[in-house]
N, C-alpha and C. Protein backbone atom coordinates (compact mmCIF):
# COMPACT_ATOMS: atom_id res chain seq x y z
N MET A 1 10.57 -0.16 28.70
CA MET A 1 9.98 -1.05 27.72
C MET A 1 10.30 -2.50 28.07
N LYS A 2 11.50 -2.74 28.57
CA LYS A 2 11.90 -4.10 28.90
C LYS A 2 11.04 -4.65 30.04
N ARG A 3 10.74 -3.81 31.03
CA ARG A 3 9.91 -4.25 32.15
C ARG A 3 8.51 -4.64 31.66
N GLY A 4 7.95 -3.86 30.75
CA GLY A 4 6.64 -4.16 30.19
C GLY A 4 6.63 -5.51 29.50
N ARG A 5 7.70 -5.82 28.80
CA ARG A 5 7.79 -7.11 28.11
C ARG A 5 7.87 -8.26 29.11
N ILE A 6 8.62 -8.05 30.20
CA ILE A 6 8.73 -9.08 31.24
C ILE A 6 7.37 -9.32 31.89
N VAL A 7 6.66 -8.25 32.18
CA VAL A 7 5.32 -8.38 32.77
C VAL A 7 4.40 -9.12 31.80
N PHE A 8 4.46 -8.75 30.53
CA PHE A 8 3.62 -9.41 29.53
C PHE A 8 3.94 -10.90 29.47
N LEU A 9 5.22 -11.26 29.44
CA LEU A 9 5.61 -12.66 29.38
C LEU A 9 5.17 -13.41 30.64
N ALA A 10 5.25 -12.75 31.79
CA ALA A 10 4.78 -13.37 33.03
C ALA A 10 3.28 -13.64 32.97
N VAL A 11 2.53 -12.68 32.44
CA VAL A 11 1.08 -12.86 32.31
C VAL A 11 0.78 -14.01 31.34
N VAL A 12 1.52 -14.06 30.25
CA VAL A 12 1.31 -15.14 29.28
C VAL A 12 1.60 -16.50 29.94
N LEU A 13 2.68 -16.58 30.71
CA LEU A 13 3.02 -17.82 31.40
C LEU A 13 1.91 -18.23 32.36
N VAL A 14 1.39 -17.28 33.12
CA VAL A 14 0.29 -17.57 34.04
C VAL A 14 -0.93 -18.06 33.27
N VAL A 15 -1.25 -17.41 32.16
CA VAL A 15 -2.39 -17.81 31.35
C VAL A 15 -2.20 -19.24 30.83
N VAL A 16 -1.01 -19.55 30.37
CA VAL A 16 -0.75 -20.90 29.87
C VAL A 16 -0.91 -21.92 30.98
N LEU A 17 -0.34 -21.63 32.13
CA LEU A 17 -0.46 -22.56 33.26
C LEU A 17 -1.91 -22.72 33.71
N LEU A 18 -2.63 -21.61 33.75
CA LEU A 18 -4.04 -21.69 34.10
C LEU A 18 -4.81 -22.50 33.07
N GLY A 19 -4.45 -22.33 31.81
CA GLY A 19 -5.11 -23.08 30.75
C GLY A 19 -4.88 -24.57 30.89
N VAL A 20 -3.68 -24.94 31.26
CA VAL A 20 -3.38 -26.36 31.44
C VAL A 20 -4.20 -26.93 32.59
N PHE A 21 -4.30 -26.17 33.68
CA PHE A 21 -4.97 -26.69 34.86
C PHE A 21 -6.45 -26.35 34.96
N ALA A 22 -6.87 -25.28 34.34
CA ALA A 22 -8.27 -24.85 34.50
C ALA A 22 -9.09 -24.93 33.22
N GLY A 23 -8.44 -25.13 32.09
CA GLY A 23 -9.20 -25.30 30.87
C GLY A 23 -9.24 -24.08 29.99
N PRO A 24 -9.69 -24.27 28.75
CA PRO A 24 -9.68 -23.20 27.76
C PRO A 24 -10.60 -22.02 28.08
N SER A 25 -11.67 -22.23 28.79
CA SER A 25 -12.57 -21.10 29.07
C SER A 25 -11.87 -20.05 29.93
N LEU A 26 -11.03 -20.47 30.86
CA LEU A 26 -10.29 -19.51 31.68
C LEU A 26 -9.24 -18.80 30.84
N VAL A 27 -8.62 -19.53 29.94
CA VAL A 27 -7.63 -18.91 29.05
C VAL A 27 -8.29 -17.81 28.24
N LYS A 28 -9.49 -18.08 27.71
CA LYS A 28 -10.19 -17.06 26.93
C LYS A 28 -10.59 -15.88 27.81
N THR A 29 -11.00 -16.14 29.03
CA THR A 29 -11.38 -15.05 29.93
C THR A 29 -10.19 -14.14 30.20
N VAL A 30 -9.05 -14.73 30.50
CA VAL A 30 -7.84 -13.94 30.75
C VAL A 30 -7.39 -13.27 29.45
N GLY A 31 -7.46 -14.00 28.33
CA GLY A 31 -7.08 -13.42 27.05
C GLY A 31 -7.90 -12.20 26.69
N ARG A 32 -9.17 -12.21 27.05
CA ARG A 32 -10.03 -11.06 26.76
C ARG A 32 -9.64 -9.84 27.58
N LEU A 33 -8.97 -10.06 28.71
CA LEU A 33 -8.45 -8.92 29.47
C LEU A 33 -7.29 -8.27 28.73
N LEU A 34 -6.50 -9.09 28.03
CA LEU A 34 -5.36 -8.57 27.27
C LEU A 34 -5.78 -8.03 25.91
N TYR A 35 -6.89 -8.53 25.39
CA TYR A 35 -7.41 -8.12 24.09
C TYR A 35 -8.87 -7.70 24.25
N PRO A 36 -9.09 -6.54 24.85
CA PRO A 36 -10.46 -6.10 25.11
C PRO A 36 -11.14 -5.54 23.85
N CYS A 37 -12.42 -5.28 23.98
CA CYS A 37 -13.21 -4.71 22.88
C CYS A 37 -13.90 -3.42 23.35
N PRO A 38 -13.12 -2.38 23.64
CA PRO A 38 -13.75 -1.12 24.03
C PRO A 38 -14.41 -0.45 22.83
N TYR A 39 -15.28 0.49 23.12
CA TYR A 39 -15.98 1.24 22.07
C TYR A 39 -16.78 0.30 21.17
N GLU A 40 -17.33 -0.75 21.77
CA GLU A 40 -17.98 -1.81 20.99
C GLU A 40 -19.09 -1.29 20.08
N GLU A 41 -19.92 -0.41 20.59
CA GLU A 41 -21.03 0.11 19.78
C GLU A 41 -20.50 0.88 18.56
N LEU A 42 -19.48 1.73 18.79
CA LEU A 42 -18.89 2.49 17.69
C LEU A 42 -18.22 1.56 16.67
N VAL A 43 -17.47 0.59 17.16
CA VAL A 43 -16.76 -0.32 16.27
C VAL A 43 -17.74 -1.13 15.44
N GLU A 44 -18.77 -1.66 16.07
CA GLU A 44 -19.75 -2.47 15.33
C GLU A 44 -20.48 -1.63 14.27
N ARG A 45 -20.81 -0.40 14.62
CA ARG A 45 -21.50 0.48 13.67
C ARG A 45 -20.61 0.77 12.46
N GLU A 46 -19.34 1.11 12.71
CA GLU A 46 -18.43 1.43 11.61
C GLU A 46 -18.06 0.18 10.81
N ALA A 47 -17.93 -0.95 11.50
CA ALA A 47 -17.66 -2.21 10.79
C ALA A 47 -18.77 -2.50 9.79
N GLU A 48 -20.00 -2.29 10.23
CA GLU A 48 -21.14 -2.52 9.33
C GLU A 48 -21.16 -1.50 8.20
N GLU A 49 -20.96 -0.22 8.54
CA GLU A 49 -21.01 0.83 7.51
C GLU A 49 -19.97 0.62 6.42
N PHE A 50 -18.77 0.20 6.82
CA PHE A 50 -17.68 0.08 5.85
C PHE A 50 -17.37 -1.38 5.47
N SER A 51 -18.24 -2.29 5.86
CA SER A 51 -18.07 -3.72 5.55
C SER A 51 -16.68 -4.23 5.94
N LEU A 52 -16.35 -4.00 7.21
CA LEU A 52 -15.07 -4.43 7.75
C LEU A 52 -15.29 -5.47 8.84
N ASP A 53 -14.33 -6.31 9.03
CA ASP A 53 -14.33 -7.26 10.14
C ASP A 53 -14.00 -6.47 11.41
N SER A 54 -14.85 -6.54 12.41
CA SER A 54 -14.59 -5.81 13.65
C SER A 54 -13.29 -6.26 14.30
N ASN A 55 -12.89 -7.51 14.09
CA ASN A 55 -11.61 -7.99 14.63
C ASN A 55 -10.44 -7.22 14.03
N LEU A 56 -10.55 -6.86 12.76
CA LEU A 56 -9.51 -6.06 12.12
C LEU A 56 -9.45 -4.68 12.75
N ILE A 57 -10.59 -4.09 12.99
CA ILE A 57 -10.62 -2.75 13.60
C ILE A 57 -10.00 -2.78 14.99
N TYR A 58 -10.39 -3.77 15.80
CA TYR A 58 -9.80 -3.88 17.13
C TYR A 58 -8.30 -4.13 17.07
N ALA A 59 -7.87 -4.96 16.13
CA ALA A 59 -6.44 -5.25 16.01
C ALA A 59 -5.66 -3.99 15.64
N VAL A 60 -6.21 -3.18 14.73
CA VAL A 60 -5.54 -1.93 14.35
C VAL A 60 -5.51 -0.98 15.55
N MET A 61 -6.64 -0.81 16.22
CA MET A 61 -6.67 0.11 17.37
C MET A 61 -5.71 -0.34 18.48
N ARG A 62 -5.69 -1.63 18.76
CA ARG A 62 -4.82 -2.14 19.82
C ARG A 62 -3.36 -1.91 19.46
N THR A 63 -3.01 -2.19 18.21
CA THR A 63 -1.63 -2.03 17.75
C THR A 63 -1.24 -0.56 17.67
N GLU A 64 -2.14 0.27 17.18
CA GLU A 64 -1.84 1.68 16.99
C GLU A 64 -1.75 2.47 18.30
N SER A 65 -2.72 2.27 19.19
CA SER A 65 -2.83 3.16 20.36
C SER A 65 -3.03 2.46 21.69
N ARG A 66 -3.17 1.14 21.67
CA ARG A 66 -3.53 0.40 22.90
C ARG A 66 -4.80 0.97 23.51
N PHE A 67 -5.68 1.46 22.65
CA PHE A 67 -6.99 1.99 23.01
C PHE A 67 -6.92 3.29 23.81
N ASP A 68 -5.83 4.02 23.66
CA ASP A 68 -5.70 5.34 24.30
C ASP A 68 -6.22 6.38 23.31
N ASP A 69 -7.39 6.94 23.61
CA ASP A 69 -8.00 7.88 22.65
C ASP A 69 -7.24 9.20 22.54
N HIS A 70 -6.27 9.45 23.40
CA HIS A 70 -5.45 10.65 23.30
C HIS A 70 -4.00 10.32 22.94
N ALA A 71 -3.78 9.14 22.41
CA ALA A 71 -2.43 8.75 22.00
C ALA A 71 -1.94 9.67 20.88
N GLU A 72 -0.64 9.94 20.92
CA GLU A 72 -0.02 10.74 19.86
C GLU A 72 1.36 10.17 19.59
N SER A 73 1.64 9.87 18.34
CA SER A 73 2.92 9.26 17.98
C SER A 73 3.98 10.34 17.74
N HIS A 74 5.22 9.89 17.63
CA HIS A 74 6.32 10.81 17.33
C HIS A 74 6.14 11.45 15.96
N ALA A 75 5.37 10.79 15.08
CA ALA A 75 5.13 11.33 13.73
C ALA A 75 3.89 12.22 13.68
N GLY A 76 3.23 12.41 14.83
CA GLY A 76 2.07 13.29 14.87
C GLY A 76 0.74 12.60 14.62
N ALA A 77 0.73 11.28 14.48
CA ALA A 77 -0.54 10.56 14.33
C ALA A 77 -1.27 10.58 15.67
N ARG A 78 -2.60 10.66 15.61
CA ARG A 78 -3.36 10.90 16.83
C ARG A 78 -4.57 10.01 16.97
N GLY A 79 -4.95 9.79 18.21
CA GLY A 79 -6.19 9.11 18.53
C GLY A 79 -6.10 7.60 18.48
N LEU A 80 -7.25 6.98 18.62
CA LEU A 80 -7.35 5.52 18.70
C LEU A 80 -6.75 4.80 17.51
N MET A 81 -7.00 5.34 16.32
CA MET A 81 -6.54 4.67 15.10
C MET A 81 -5.33 5.37 14.48
N GLN A 82 -4.76 6.32 15.24
CA GLN A 82 -3.51 6.98 14.87
C GLN A 82 -3.50 7.53 13.45
N LEU A 83 -4.32 8.54 13.26
CA LEU A 83 -4.38 9.24 11.98
C LEU A 83 -3.63 10.55 12.09
N THR A 84 -2.89 10.91 11.05
CA THR A 84 -2.27 12.23 11.04
C THR A 84 -3.36 13.26 10.80
N PRO A 85 -3.14 14.50 11.23
CA PRO A 85 -4.16 15.52 10.98
C PRO A 85 -4.51 15.67 9.49
N ALA A 86 -3.51 15.57 8.61
CA ALA A 86 -3.78 15.71 7.17
C ALA A 86 -4.64 14.55 6.66
N THR A 87 -4.34 13.34 7.09
CA THR A 87 -5.12 12.18 6.67
C THR A 87 -6.54 12.27 7.23
N PHE A 88 -6.64 12.67 8.49
CA PHE A 88 -7.95 12.81 9.14
C PHE A 88 -8.81 13.83 8.39
N GLU A 89 -8.23 14.96 8.05
CA GLU A 89 -8.96 16.01 7.33
C GLU A 89 -9.39 15.50 5.95
N TRP A 90 -8.48 14.84 5.25
CA TRP A 90 -8.76 14.32 3.91
C TRP A 90 -9.87 13.28 3.94
N ILE A 91 -9.74 12.27 4.82
CA ILE A 91 -10.72 11.19 4.84
C ILE A 91 -12.06 11.67 5.36
N SER A 92 -12.05 12.63 6.30
CA SER A 92 -13.34 13.15 6.80
C SER A 92 -14.04 14.02 5.76
N SER A 93 -13.28 14.54 4.79
CA SER A 93 -13.93 15.28 3.70
C SER A 93 -14.61 14.31 2.72
N LEU A 94 -14.06 13.11 2.60
CA LEU A 94 -14.64 12.09 1.72
C LEU A 94 -15.80 11.35 2.40
N TYR A 95 -15.63 11.08 3.69
CA TYR A 95 -16.61 10.31 4.48
C TYR A 95 -16.87 11.06 5.78
N PRO A 96 -17.67 12.11 5.73
CA PRO A 96 -17.87 12.94 6.93
C PRO A 96 -18.48 12.16 8.09
N PRO A 97 -17.86 12.29 9.27
CA PRO A 97 -18.45 11.68 10.47
C PRO A 97 -19.76 12.38 10.81
N GLU A 98 -20.60 11.69 11.57
CA GLU A 98 -21.92 12.22 11.93
C GLU A 98 -21.85 13.59 12.60
N ASN A 99 -20.86 13.77 13.48
CA ASN A 99 -20.81 15.04 14.21
C ASN A 99 -19.82 16.03 13.60
N GLY A 100 -19.47 15.84 12.35
CA GLY A 100 -18.69 16.84 11.64
C GLY A 100 -17.20 16.57 11.51
N GLY A 101 -16.66 15.69 12.30
CA GLY A 101 -15.24 15.36 12.18
C GLY A 101 -14.30 16.47 12.55
N GLU A 102 -14.65 17.21 13.58
CA GLU A 102 -13.81 18.33 13.97
C GLU A 102 -12.76 17.97 15.01
N ASP A 103 -12.85 16.79 15.62
CA ASP A 103 -11.94 16.44 16.71
C ASP A 103 -11.28 15.09 16.44
N ILE A 104 -10.02 15.12 16.09
CA ILE A 104 -9.28 13.90 15.77
C ILE A 104 -9.19 12.97 16.97
N PHE A 105 -9.29 13.51 18.18
CA PHE A 105 -9.21 12.69 19.39
C PHE A 105 -10.57 12.13 19.81
N ASP A 106 -11.64 12.60 19.22
CA ASP A 106 -12.96 12.08 19.55
C ASP A 106 -13.06 10.64 19.07
N PRO A 107 -13.37 9.68 19.96
CA PRO A 107 -13.41 8.27 19.53
C PRO A 107 -14.34 8.02 18.34
N ALA A 108 -15.51 8.63 18.32
CA ALA A 108 -16.44 8.40 17.22
C ALA A 108 -15.85 8.90 15.89
N ASP A 109 -15.28 10.09 15.90
CA ASP A 109 -14.69 10.65 14.68
C ASP A 109 -13.47 9.84 14.24
N ASN A 110 -12.60 9.51 15.20
CA ASN A 110 -11.37 8.81 14.88
C ASN A 110 -11.65 7.41 14.36
N ILE A 111 -12.54 6.67 15.00
CA ILE A 111 -12.87 5.32 14.54
C ILE A 111 -13.54 5.38 13.18
N HIS A 112 -14.45 6.33 12.99
CA HIS A 112 -15.12 6.47 11.69
C HIS A 112 -14.10 6.71 10.58
N CYS A 113 -13.22 7.67 10.80
CA CYS A 113 -12.25 8.01 9.76
C CYS A 113 -11.21 6.91 9.56
N GLY A 114 -10.81 6.25 10.64
CA GLY A 114 -9.88 5.13 10.52
C GLY A 114 -10.50 3.99 9.72
N CYS A 115 -11.77 3.71 9.98
CA CYS A 115 -12.47 2.65 9.24
C CYS A 115 -12.68 3.04 7.78
N ALA A 116 -13.00 4.29 7.54
CA ALA A 116 -13.15 4.76 6.16
C ALA A 116 -11.83 4.60 5.41
N LEU A 117 -10.73 4.93 6.08
CA LEU A 117 -9.41 4.78 5.45
C LEU A 117 -9.10 3.30 5.19
N LEU A 118 -9.38 2.45 6.16
CA LEU A 118 -9.17 1.01 5.94
C LEU A 118 -9.96 0.50 4.74
N ARG A 119 -11.23 0.91 4.64
CA ARG A 119 -12.07 0.47 3.51
C ARG A 119 -11.49 0.96 2.19
N LEU A 120 -11.09 2.23 2.16
CA LEU A 120 -10.51 2.81 0.95
C LEU A 120 -9.25 2.04 0.54
N LEU A 121 -8.40 1.71 1.52
CA LEU A 121 -7.17 0.99 1.22
C LEU A 121 -7.44 -0.45 0.79
N LEU A 122 -8.42 -1.08 1.40
CA LEU A 122 -8.79 -2.44 0.98
C LEU A 122 -9.31 -2.43 -0.45
N ASP A 123 -10.12 -1.44 -0.78
CA ASP A 123 -10.65 -1.34 -2.15
C ASP A 123 -9.53 -1.04 -3.14
N GLU A 124 -8.59 -0.22 -2.74
CA GLU A 124 -7.48 0.17 -3.62
C GLU A 124 -6.51 -0.98 -3.85
N PHE A 125 -6.16 -1.71 -2.79
CA PHE A 125 -5.09 -2.69 -2.90
C PHE A 125 -5.56 -4.15 -2.92
N GLY A 126 -6.80 -4.40 -2.53
CA GLY A 126 -7.38 -5.73 -2.67
C GLY A 126 -7.04 -6.76 -1.62
N SER A 127 -6.10 -6.49 -0.75
CA SER A 127 -5.78 -7.47 0.30
C SER A 127 -5.57 -6.77 1.62
N VAL A 128 -5.88 -7.47 2.68
CA VAL A 128 -5.71 -6.91 4.02
C VAL A 128 -4.23 -6.60 4.27
N GLU A 129 -3.35 -7.49 3.86
CA GLU A 129 -1.92 -7.30 4.12
C GLU A 129 -1.40 -6.02 3.47
N VAL A 130 -1.70 -5.84 2.20
CA VAL A 130 -1.19 -4.66 1.49
C VAL A 130 -1.88 -3.39 2.01
N ALA A 131 -3.17 -3.49 2.32
CA ALA A 131 -3.88 -2.34 2.88
C ALA A 131 -3.28 -1.92 4.21
N LEU A 132 -2.93 -2.88 5.05
CA LEU A 132 -2.31 -2.55 6.34
C LEU A 132 -0.93 -1.92 6.16
N CYS A 133 -0.19 -2.39 5.17
CA CYS A 133 1.11 -1.75 4.87
C CYS A 133 0.89 -0.29 4.48
N ALA A 134 -0.13 -0.04 3.66
CA ALA A 134 -0.43 1.33 3.23
C ALA A 134 -0.93 2.16 4.41
N TYR A 135 -1.69 1.56 5.32
CA TYR A 135 -2.17 2.28 6.50
C TYR A 135 -0.98 2.76 7.31
N ASN A 136 0.06 1.96 7.37
CA ASN A 136 1.24 2.31 8.17
C ASN A 136 2.24 3.18 7.42
N ALA A 137 2.54 2.81 6.18
CA ALA A 137 3.62 3.48 5.44
C ALA A 137 3.15 4.52 4.44
N GLY A 138 1.86 4.52 4.14
CA GLY A 138 1.32 5.46 3.17
C GLY A 138 1.07 4.80 1.82
N MET A 139 0.04 5.27 1.15
CA MET A 139 -0.35 4.72 -0.14
C MET A 139 0.75 4.87 -1.19
N GLY A 140 1.37 6.02 -1.23
CA GLY A 140 2.40 6.27 -2.22
C GLY A 140 3.58 5.31 -2.10
N ASN A 141 4.01 5.06 -0.88
CA ASN A 141 5.11 4.11 -0.68
C ASN A 141 4.72 2.73 -1.15
N VAL A 142 3.53 2.29 -0.79
CA VAL A 142 3.09 0.94 -1.17
C VAL A 142 2.92 0.83 -2.68
N GLU A 143 2.39 1.86 -3.32
CA GLU A 143 2.29 1.84 -4.79
C GLU A 143 3.66 1.69 -5.42
N THR A 144 4.66 2.38 -4.88
CA THR A 144 6.03 2.26 -5.38
C THR A 144 6.56 0.85 -5.17
N TRP A 145 6.33 0.28 -4.00
CA TRP A 145 6.80 -1.08 -3.71
C TRP A 145 6.17 -2.09 -4.66
N LEU A 146 4.88 -1.94 -4.91
CA LEU A 146 4.18 -2.88 -5.79
C LEU A 146 4.71 -2.82 -7.23
N ALA A 147 5.21 -1.67 -7.61
CA ALA A 147 5.72 -1.48 -8.97
C ALA A 147 7.14 -2.00 -9.15
N GLU A 148 7.80 -2.33 -8.04
CA GLU A 148 9.20 -2.77 -8.11
C GLU A 148 9.31 -4.27 -7.88
N GLY A 149 10.00 -4.95 -8.79
CA GLY A 149 10.18 -6.39 -8.71
C GLY A 149 10.88 -6.87 -7.46
N LYS A 150 11.70 -6.02 -6.87
CA LYS A 150 12.41 -6.47 -5.67
C LYS A 150 11.49 -6.55 -4.45
N TYR A 151 10.26 -6.01 -4.56
CA TYR A 151 9.30 -6.07 -3.45
C TYR A 151 8.03 -6.85 -3.82
N SER A 152 7.71 -6.89 -5.11
CA SER A 152 6.47 -7.54 -5.56
C SER A 152 6.70 -8.25 -6.88
N HIS A 153 6.28 -9.51 -6.95
CA HIS A 153 6.40 -10.27 -8.20
C HIS A 153 5.24 -10.03 -9.15
N ASP A 154 4.09 -9.64 -8.58
CA ASP A 154 2.88 -9.55 -9.40
C ASP A 154 2.22 -8.17 -9.42
N GLY A 155 2.79 -7.20 -8.70
CA GLY A 155 2.21 -5.87 -8.66
C GLY A 155 0.97 -5.77 -7.79
N GLU A 156 0.62 -6.87 -7.12
CA GLU A 156 -0.57 -6.88 -6.26
C GLU A 156 -0.28 -7.27 -4.82
N SER A 157 0.77 -8.07 -4.62
CA SER A 157 1.14 -8.49 -3.27
C SER A 157 2.62 -8.17 -3.04
N LEU A 158 3.00 -8.14 -1.77
CA LEU A 158 4.38 -7.82 -1.42
C LEU A 158 5.07 -9.07 -0.88
N HIS A 159 6.19 -9.43 -1.47
CA HIS A 159 6.97 -10.53 -0.92
C HIS A 159 8.03 -10.01 0.04
N THR A 160 8.35 -8.72 -0.08
CA THR A 160 9.30 -8.07 0.81
C THR A 160 8.76 -6.69 1.16
N ILE A 161 8.84 -6.36 2.43
CA ILE A 161 8.42 -5.03 2.88
C ILE A 161 9.69 -4.28 3.28
N PRO A 162 10.04 -3.23 2.54
CA PRO A 162 11.33 -2.59 2.76
C PRO A 162 11.46 -1.80 4.06
N TYR A 163 10.36 -1.42 4.67
CA TYR A 163 10.43 -0.69 5.93
C TYR A 163 10.28 -1.68 7.08
N PRO A 164 11.31 -1.85 7.90
CA PRO A 164 11.19 -2.77 9.05
C PRO A 164 10.02 -2.42 9.97
N GLU A 165 9.76 -1.14 10.15
CA GLU A 165 8.64 -0.72 11.01
C GLU A 165 7.30 -1.21 10.44
N THR A 166 7.15 -1.11 9.13
CA THR A 166 5.91 -1.55 8.50
C THR A 166 5.79 -3.08 8.53
N ASP A 167 6.90 -3.77 8.32
CA ASP A 167 6.89 -5.22 8.41
C ASP A 167 6.48 -5.67 9.81
N SER A 168 7.05 -5.04 10.82
CA SER A 168 6.71 -5.36 12.21
C SER A 168 5.25 -5.02 12.51
N TYR A 169 4.80 -3.87 12.02
CA TYR A 169 3.42 -3.44 12.21
C TYR A 169 2.45 -4.46 11.63
N LEU A 170 2.70 -4.89 10.41
CA LEU A 170 1.84 -5.86 9.75
C LEU A 170 1.73 -7.14 10.59
N LYS A 171 2.86 -7.63 11.05
CA LYS A 171 2.86 -8.86 11.86
C LYS A 171 2.08 -8.67 13.16
N LYS A 172 2.24 -7.53 13.79
CA LYS A 172 1.52 -7.26 15.05
C LYS A 172 0.02 -7.21 14.84
N VAL A 173 -0.41 -6.54 13.79
CA VAL A 173 -1.85 -6.44 13.52
C VAL A 173 -2.41 -7.81 13.16
N GLN A 174 -1.69 -8.55 12.33
CA GLN A 174 -2.17 -9.88 11.96
C GLN A 174 -2.28 -10.79 13.19
N GLN A 175 -1.29 -10.74 14.06
CA GLN A 175 -1.31 -11.55 15.27
C GLN A 175 -2.47 -11.14 16.18
N ALA A 176 -2.66 -9.85 16.33
CA ALA A 176 -3.77 -9.36 17.16
C ALA A 176 -5.12 -9.78 16.56
N MET A 177 -5.23 -9.69 15.25
CA MET A 177 -6.48 -10.08 14.60
C MET A 177 -6.78 -11.56 14.82
N GLU A 178 -5.76 -12.40 14.71
CA GLU A 178 -5.94 -13.83 14.96
C GLU A 178 -6.40 -14.07 16.40
N ARG A 179 -5.83 -13.34 17.33
CA ARG A 179 -6.23 -13.50 18.73
C ARG A 179 -7.66 -13.05 18.95
N TYR A 180 -8.03 -11.92 18.34
CA TYR A 180 -9.42 -11.46 18.47
C TYR A 180 -10.38 -12.48 17.87
N GLN A 181 -10.03 -13.03 16.72
CA GLN A 181 -10.91 -14.02 16.10
C GLN A 181 -11.08 -15.23 17.00
N TRP A 182 -10.02 -15.70 17.62
CA TRP A 182 -10.10 -16.85 18.49
C TRP A 182 -10.86 -16.54 19.79
N LEU A 183 -10.55 -15.38 20.38
CA LEU A 183 -11.16 -15.02 21.66
C LEU A 183 -12.64 -14.70 21.55
N TYR A 184 -13.04 -14.14 20.42
CA TYR A 184 -14.43 -13.68 20.28
C TYR A 184 -15.17 -14.39 19.16
N GLU A 185 -14.74 -15.60 18.82
CA GLU A 185 -15.42 -16.34 17.75
C GLU A 185 -16.90 -16.48 18.08
N LYS A 186 -17.70 -16.34 17.03
CA LYS A 186 -19.15 -16.35 17.22
C LYS A 186 -19.74 -17.65 16.76
């Protein structure tokens, strides 16, 4: 893991130096290599269907799986958007994918169900930040946090996230989303 971070920092340094000497267009070109938009047709279709910002979808996929459609976490979450089998089954029963939702590793099924879950969480919690916390830590945990004054002053937003993993996850997704917005601004 340490070597990967060193390589990443070296790439960032090269990008910065190139930006200074070659201009912002080269920085964006190199940045797009680090923040790609694979599965563009699927992402755009699901973004439209669920009224989501495609930059949010890419940021979640990049953070969750680094676009590895066969990724599997230590907790058993699977695919591009890292859904557990139980969550995948539940959300696909509410919002069935076109081809039936039988394969959690299928990019079309996984992106569809991940986007459906994001939409459901956004509707439930009202903010991207709280929805992303629920995507990572679960709806029940976030509902509990919102009900407790030590995590939420208003029952709608979180001033403290008690799980360090979820706090880190939120920051990573937000940072990735900002980069996608800058790199692919229309």
